[in-house]
Amino acid sequence: MTRAEILPDLLRPGLRLLLCGSAPGRVSALRGAPYAGPGNKFWDILHFAGLTPRRFAPEEYAGLDALGIGLTNLCTTAAGADAAIPAAAFDAAALAAKLRRFRPALVGFVGKNPAARFLGVRAPPFGPVPGPPDLPPLFVLPSTSGLACRSWDPAPWHALAERVRREAVSAA
């Protein structure tokens, strides 16, 4: 028996970008909307980096699909701070299967923690990182969580947005 997902994935074939977090936060789970916690910079940085034409509210997350942006989490069955979630709940194999099935053009990990758990490394750098050759290109971004404010740097988000724009131009 599998546990129900806390928040549904926003995932389909043909996405230009899939953003993958660790797990839904407590407030996001309560509101049924990703990145809804107080102090979370996710929706602001998507707009400021140019990935969205305006600042979306968390409850408008389904509108990202029209922009070719999807959302998922490494842990879909538990919510809260990463430290409070059992390690076994972070399912790298399930994420890899989603990536192989839906083939987004680029995967951005929202934070080093989901990237590290997925790749099996301790501390991946921000920016592009090598991954399995049968998966889309991977990119590590600073966490947007209010709990991660000490390490906040918008520069990797802007670099990701520039890469998405470049790839869209070259595909046209």
C-alpha atoms as a PDB file:
ATOM      1  CA  MET A   1       0.000   0.000   0.000  1.00  0.00           C
ATOM      2  CA  THR A   2       1.419   3.393  -0.936  1.00  0.00           C
ATOM      3  CA  ARG A   3       0.824   6.545   1.061  1.00  0.00           C
ATOM      4  CA  ALA A   4      -1.079   9.365  -0.576  1.00  0.00           C
ATOM      5  CA  GLU A   5       0.844  12.317  -1.944  1.00  0.00           C
ATOM      6  CA  ILE A   6       0.689  15.465   0.194  1.00  0.00           C
ATOM      7  CA  LEU A   7       0.662  17.736  -2.871  1.00  0.00           C
ATOM      8  CA  PRO A   8       0.096  16.505  -6.410  1.00  0.00           C
ATOM      9  CA  ASP A   9       2.922  16.759  -8.910  1.00  0.00           C
ATOM     10  CA  LEU A  10       2.613  19.329 -11.662  1.00  0.00           C
ATOM     11  CA  LEU A  11       4.231  17.108 -14.261  1.00  0.00           C
ATOM     12  CA  ARG A  12       3.699  16.215 -17.919  1.00  0.00           C
ATOM     13  CA  PRO A  13       5.794  15.447 -20.986  1.00  0.00           C
ATOM     14  CA  GLY A  14       7.349  18.431 -22.756  1.00  0.00           C
ATOM     15  CA  LEU A  15       8.154  20.646 -19.767  1.00  0.00           C
ATOM     16  CA  ARG A  16      11.031  23.046 -20.300  1.00  0.00           C
ATOM     17  CA  LEU A  17      11.788  23.034 -16.548  1.00  0.00           C
ATOM     18  CA  LEU A  18      10.898  20.763 -13.638  1.00  0.00           C
ATOM     19  CA  LEU A  19      11.587  22.184 -10.184  1.00  0.00           C
ATOM     20  CA  CYS A  20      12.097  19.580  -7.458  1.00  0.00           C
ATOM     21  CA  GLY A  21      12.018  20.403  -3.757  1.00  0.00           C
ATOM     22  CA  SER A  22      12.732  18.207  -0.752  1.00  0.00           C
ATOM     23  CA  ALA A  23       9.205  17.821   0.645  1.00  0.00           C
ATOM     24  CA  PRO A  24       6.169  20.038   1.111  1.00  0.00           C
ATOM     25  CA  GLY A  25       6.455  22.298   4.119  1.00  0.00           C
ATOM     26  CA  ARG A  26       3.883  22.156   6.895  1.00  0.00           C
ATOM     27  CA  VAL A  27       2.115  25.344   5.740  1.00  0.00           C
ATOM     28  CA  SER A  28       2.128  24.175   2.114  1.00  0.00           C
ATOM     29  CA  ALA A  29       0.506  20.897   3.156  1.00  0.00           C
ATOM     30  CA  LEU A  30      -2.156  22.734   5.153  1.00  0.00           C
ATOM     31  CA  ARG A  31      -2.917  25.160   2.315  1.00  0.00           C
ATOM     32  CA  GLY A  32      -2.649  22.576  -0.459  1.00  0.00           C
ATOM     33  CA  ALA A  33      -0.241  24.863  -2.298  1.00  0.00           C
ATOM     34  CA  PRO A  34       3.534  24.519  -2.825  1.00  0.00           C
ATOM     35  CA  TYR A  35       6.037  26.955  -1.332  1.00  0.00           C
ATOM     36  CA  ALA A  36       3.296  28.646   0.721  1.00  0.00           C
ATOM     37  CA  GLY A  37       5.202  29.058   3.993  1.00  0.00           C
ATOM     38  CA  PRO A  38       5.883  32.497   5.424  1.00  0.00           C
ATOM     39  CA  GLY A  39       9.212  33.849   4.275  1.00  0.00           C
ATOM     40  CA  ASN A  40       9.502  31.429   1.347  1.00  0.00           C
ATOM     41  CA  LYS A  41      11.114  33.211  -1.612  1.00  0.00           C
ATOM     42  CA  PHE A  42      10.048  30.726  -4.312  1.00  0.00           C
ATOM     43  CA  TRP A  43       7.308  32.732  -6.004  1.00  0.00           C
ATOM     44  CA  ASP A  44       9.273  35.967  -5.794  1.00  0.00           C
ATOM     45  CA  ILE A  45      12.439  34.530  -7.340  1.00  0.00           C
ATOM     46  CA  LEU A  46      10.545  32.813 -10.168  1.00  0.00           C
ATOM     47  CA  HIS A  47       9.256  36.222 -11.185  1.00  0.00           C
ATOM     48  CA  PHE A  48      12.416  38.264 -10.477  1.00  0.00           C
ATOM     49  CA  ALA A  49      14.577  35.783 -12.425  1.00  0.00           C
ATOM     50  CA  GLY A  50      12.204  36.027 -15.382  1.00  0.00           C
ATOM     51  CA  LEU A  51      10.840  32.487 -15.282  1.00  0.00           C
ATOM     52  CA  THR A  52       7.288  33.808 -14.835  1.00  0.00           C
ATOM     53  CA  PRO A  53       5.768  37.012 -16.265  1.00  0.00           C
ATOM     54  CA  ARG A  54       4.353  37.987 -12.861  1.00  0.00           C
ATOM     55  CA  ARG A  55       4.468  36.886  -9.258  1.00  0.00           C
ATOM     56  CA  PHE A  56       2.158  33.923  -8.794  1.00  0.00           C
ATOM     57  CA  ALA A  57       0.405  33.227  -5.489  1.00  0.00           C
ATOM     58  CA  PRO A  58       1.057  29.697  -4.162  1.00  0.00           C
ATOM     59  CA  GLU A  59      -2.556  28.700  -4.893  1.00  0.00           C
ATOM     60  CA  GLU A  60      -1.999  29.625  -8.560  1.00  0.00           C
ATOM     61  CA  TYR A  61       0.721  27.008  -8.977  1.00  0.00           C
ATOM     62  CA  ALA A  62      -1.204  25.106 -11.683  1.00  0.00           C
ATOM     63  CA  GLY A  63      -0.670  28.157 -13.934  1.00  0.00           C
ATOM     64  CA  LEU A  64       3.018  27.238 -14.194  1.00  0.00           C
ATOM     65  CA  ASP A  65       2.061  24.400 -16.524  1.00  0.00           C
ATOM     66  CA  ALA A  66       1.141  26.867 -19.289  1.00  0.00           C
ATOM     67  CA  LEU A  67       4.677  28.290 -18.976  1.00  0.00           C
ATOM     68  CA  GLY A  68       6.249  24.837 -19.345  1.00  0.00           C
ATOM     69  CA  ILE A  69       7.271  24.662 -15.684  1.00  0.00           C
ATOM     70  CA  GLY A  70       6.471  21.674 -13.478  1.00  0.00           C
ATOM     71  CA  LEU A  71       6.800  20.929  -9.779  1.00  0.00           C
ATOM     72  CA  THR A  72       7.570  17.832  -7.748  1.00  0.00           C
ATOM     73  CA  ASN A  73       9.313  16.832  -4.521  1.00  0.00           C
ATOM     74  CA  LEU A  74      11.805  14.149  -3.597  1.00  0.00           C
ATOM     75  CA  CYS A  75       9.468  13.236  -0.724  1.00  0.00           C
ATOM     76  CA  THR A  76       5.810  13.348  -1.711  1.00  0.00           C
ATOM     77  CA  THR A  77       4.264  11.463   1.219  1.00  0.00           C
ATOM     78  CA  ALA A  78       5.357  13.528   4.240  1.00  0.00           C
ATOM     79  CA  ALA A  79       5.449  17.228   5.061  1.00  0.00           C
ATOM     80  CA  GLY A  80       7.527  19.432   7.314  1.00  0.00           C
ATOM     81  CA  ALA A  81      11.128  20.426   7.793  1.00  0.00           C
ATOM     82  CA  ASP A  82      13.617  18.064   6.134  1.00  0.00           C
ATOM     83  CA  ALA A  83      15.151  17.121   9.499  1.00  0.00           C
ATOM     84  CA  ALA A  84      11.758  15.900  10.757  1.00  0.00           C
ATOM     85  CA  ILE A  85      11.109  13.603   7.775  1.00  0.00           C
ATOM     86  CA  PRO A  86      12.419  10.023   7.882  1.00  0.00           C
ATOM     87  CA  ALA A  87      15.262   9.462   5.435  1.00  0.00           C
ATOM     88  CA  ALA A  88      13.373   6.567   3.817  1.00  0.00           C
ATOM     89  CA  ALA A  89      10.602   8.975   2.754  1.00  0.00           C
ATOM     90  CA  PHE A  90      12.979  10.695   0.292  1.00  0.00           C
ATOM     91  CA  ASP A  91      12.464   8.525  -2.793  1.00  0.00           C
ATOM     92  CA  ALA A  92      15.249   9.041  -5.331  1.00  0.00           C
ATOM     93  CA  ALA A  93      14.180   5.996  -7.360  1.00  0.00           C
ATOM     94  CA  ALA A  94      10.641   7.350  -7.779  1.00  0.00           C
ATOM     95  CA  LEU A  95      12.006  10.724  -8.908  1.00  0.00           C
ATOM     96  CA  ALA A  96      14.353   9.073 -11.401  1.00  0.00           C
ATOM     97  CA  ALA A  97      11.408   7.100 -12.808  1.00  0.00           C
ATOM     98  CA  LYS A  98       9.404  10.330 -13.220  1.00  0.00           C
ATOM     99  CA  LEU A  99      12.325  11.991 -14.996  1.00  0.00           C
ATOM    100  CA  ARG A 100      12.705   9.050 -17.371  1.00  0.00           C
ATOM    101  CA  ARG A 101       8.973   8.938 -18.060  1.00  0.00           C
ATOM    102  CA  PHE A 102       8.279  12.658 -18.548  1.00  0.00           C
ATOM    103  CA  ARG A 103      11.703  13.825 -19.849  1.00  0.00           C
ATOM    104  CA  PRO A 104      11.677  17.509 -18.844  1.00  0.00           C
ATOM    105  CA  ALA A 105      14.296  19.552 -20.694  1.00  0.00           C
ATOM    106  CA  LEU A 106      15.958  20.604 -17.414  1.00  0.00           C
ATOM    107  CA  VAL A 107      15.569  19.706 -13.722  1.00  0.00           C
ATOM    108  CA  GLY A 108      16.224  22.311 -11.039  1.00  0.00           C
ATOM    109  CA  PHE A 109      16.634  21.106  -7.455  1.00  0.00           C
ATOM    110  CA  VAL A 110      15.267  23.721  -5.055  1.00  0.00           C
ATOM    111  CA  GLY A 111      17.987  23.356  -2.429  1.00  0.00           C
ATOM    112  CA  LYS A 112      21.112  21.306  -1.961  1.00  0.00           C
ATOM    113  CA  ASN A 113      19.331  18.744   0.219  1.00  0.00           C
ATOM    114  CA  PRO A 114      17.109  17.209  -2.477  1.00  0.00           C
ATOM    115  CA  ALA A 115      20.005  17.263  -4.951  1.00  0.00           C
ATOM    116  CA  ALA A 116      22.376  15.619  -2.469  1.00  0.00           C
ATOM    117  CA  ARG A 117      19.853  12.913  -1.585  1.00  0.00           C
ATOM    118  CA  PHE A 118      19.044  12.256  -5.237  1.00  0.00           C
ATOM    119  CA  LEU A 119      22.662  12.161  -6.401  1.00  0.00           C
ATOM    120  CA  GLY A 120      24.030  10.418  -3.326  1.00  0.00           C
ATOM    121  CA  VAL A 121      26.613  13.136  -2.676  1.00  0.00           C
ATOM    122  CA  ARG A 122      27.264  15.234   0.402  1.00  0.00           C
ATOM    123  CA  ALA A 123      27.185  18.847  -0.779  1.00  0.00           C
ATOM    124  CA  PRO A 124      26.642  19.496  -4.477  1.00  0.00           C
ATOM    125  CA  PRO A 125      27.595  22.942  -5.782  1.00  0.00           C
ATOM    126  CA  PHE A 126      25.035  25.414  -7.030  1.00  0.00           C
ATOM    127  CA  GLY A 127      24.601  25.398 -10.790  1.00  0.00           C
ATOM    128  CA  PRO A 128      24.753  22.551 -13.294  1.00  0.00           C
ATOM    129  CA  VAL A 129      25.777  19.189 -11.846  1.00  0.00           C
ATOM    130  CA  PRO A 130      26.507  15.853 -13.506  1.00  0.00           C
ATOM    131  CA  GLY A 131      23.831  13.231 -13.167  1.00  0.00           C
ATOM    132  CA  PRO A 132      23.003   9.863 -14.659  1.00  0.00           C
ATOM    133  CA  PRO A 133      23.468  10.019 -18.454  1.00  0.00           C
ATOM    134  CA  ASP A 134      19.929   8.783 -19.156  1.00  0.00           C
ATOM    135  CA  LEU A 135      18.349  11.695 -17.252  1.00  0.00           C
ATOM    136  CA  PRO A 136      17.779  15.327 -18.242  1.00  0.00           C
ATOM    137  CA  PRO A 137      20.398  17.931 -17.253  1.00  0.00           C
ATOM    138  CA  LEU A 138      20.382  18.772 -13.532  1.00  0.00           C
ATOM    139  CA  PHE A 139      20.819  22.154 -11.856  1.00  0.00           C
ATOM    140  CA  VAL A 140      21.133  22.891  -8.111  1.00  0.00           C
ATOM    141  CA  LEU A 141      19.555  26.064  -6.716  1.00  0.00           C
ATOM    142  CA  PRO A 142      19.568  27.691  -3.289  1.00  0.00           C
ATOM    143  CA  SER A 143      16.611  26.708  -1.157  1.00  0.00           C
ATOM    144  CA  THR A 144      13.868  29.316  -1.064  1.00  0.00           C
ATOM    145  CA  SER A 145      12.704  28.262   2.393  1.00  0.00           C
ATOM    146  CA  GLY A 146      12.592  30.891   5.106  1.00  0.00           C
ATOM    147  CA  LEU A 147      14.573  28.387   7.204  1.00  0.00           C
ATOM    148  CA  ALA A 148      17.457  28.586   4.705  1.00  0.00           C
ATOM    149  CA  CYS A 149      17.807  32.371   4.643  1.00  0.00           C
ATOM    150  CA  ARG A 150      21.461  32.299   5.769  1.00  0.00           C
ATOM    151  CA  SER A 151      22.519  30.735   2.476  1.00  0.00           C
ATOM    152  CA  TRP A 152      20.209  32.702   0.171  1.00  0.00           C
ATOM    153  CA  ASP A 153      21.776  33.795  -3.103  1.00  0.00           C
ATOM    154  CA  PRO A 154      19.557  34.629  -6.083  1.00  0.00           C
ATOM    155  CA  ALA A 155      22.424  34.394  -8.624  1.00  0.00           C
ATOM    156  CA  PRO A 156      21.983  30.647  -9.382  1.00  0.00           C
ATOM    157  CA  TRP A 157      18.271  31.255  -9.985  1.00  0.00           C
ATOM    158  CA  HIS A 158      19.123  33.967 -12.513  1.00  0.00           C
ATOM    159  CA  ALA A 159      21.662  31.630 -14.162  1.00  0.00           C
ATOM    160  CA  LEU A 160      18.998  28.920 -14.411  1.00  0.00           C
ATOM    161  CA  ALA A 161      16.531  31.358 -15.984  1.00  0.00           C
ATOM    162  CA  GLU A 162      19.155  32.448 -18.518  1.00  0.00           C
ATOM    163  CA  ARG A 163      19.822  28.805 -19.427  1.00  0.00           C
ATOM    164  CA  VAL A 164      16.089  28.150 -19.864  1.00  0.00           C
ATOM    165  CA  ARG A 165      15.812  31.217 -22.129  1.00  0.00           C
ATOM    166  CA  ARG A 166      18.864  30.166 -24.160  1.00  0.00           C
ATOM    167  CA  GLU A 167      17.545  26.651 -24.657  1.00  0.00           C
ATOM    168  CA  ALA A 168      14.122  27.984 -25.681  1.00  0.00           C
ATOM    169  CA  VAL A 169      15.763  30.186 -28.351  1.00  0.00           C
ATOM    170  CA  SER A 170      17.925  27.344 -29.668  1.00  0.00           C
ATOM    171  CA  ALA A 171      14.894  25.013 -29.819  1.00  0.00           C
ATOM    172  CA  ALA A 172      12.862  27.557 -31.828  1.00  0.00           C
END
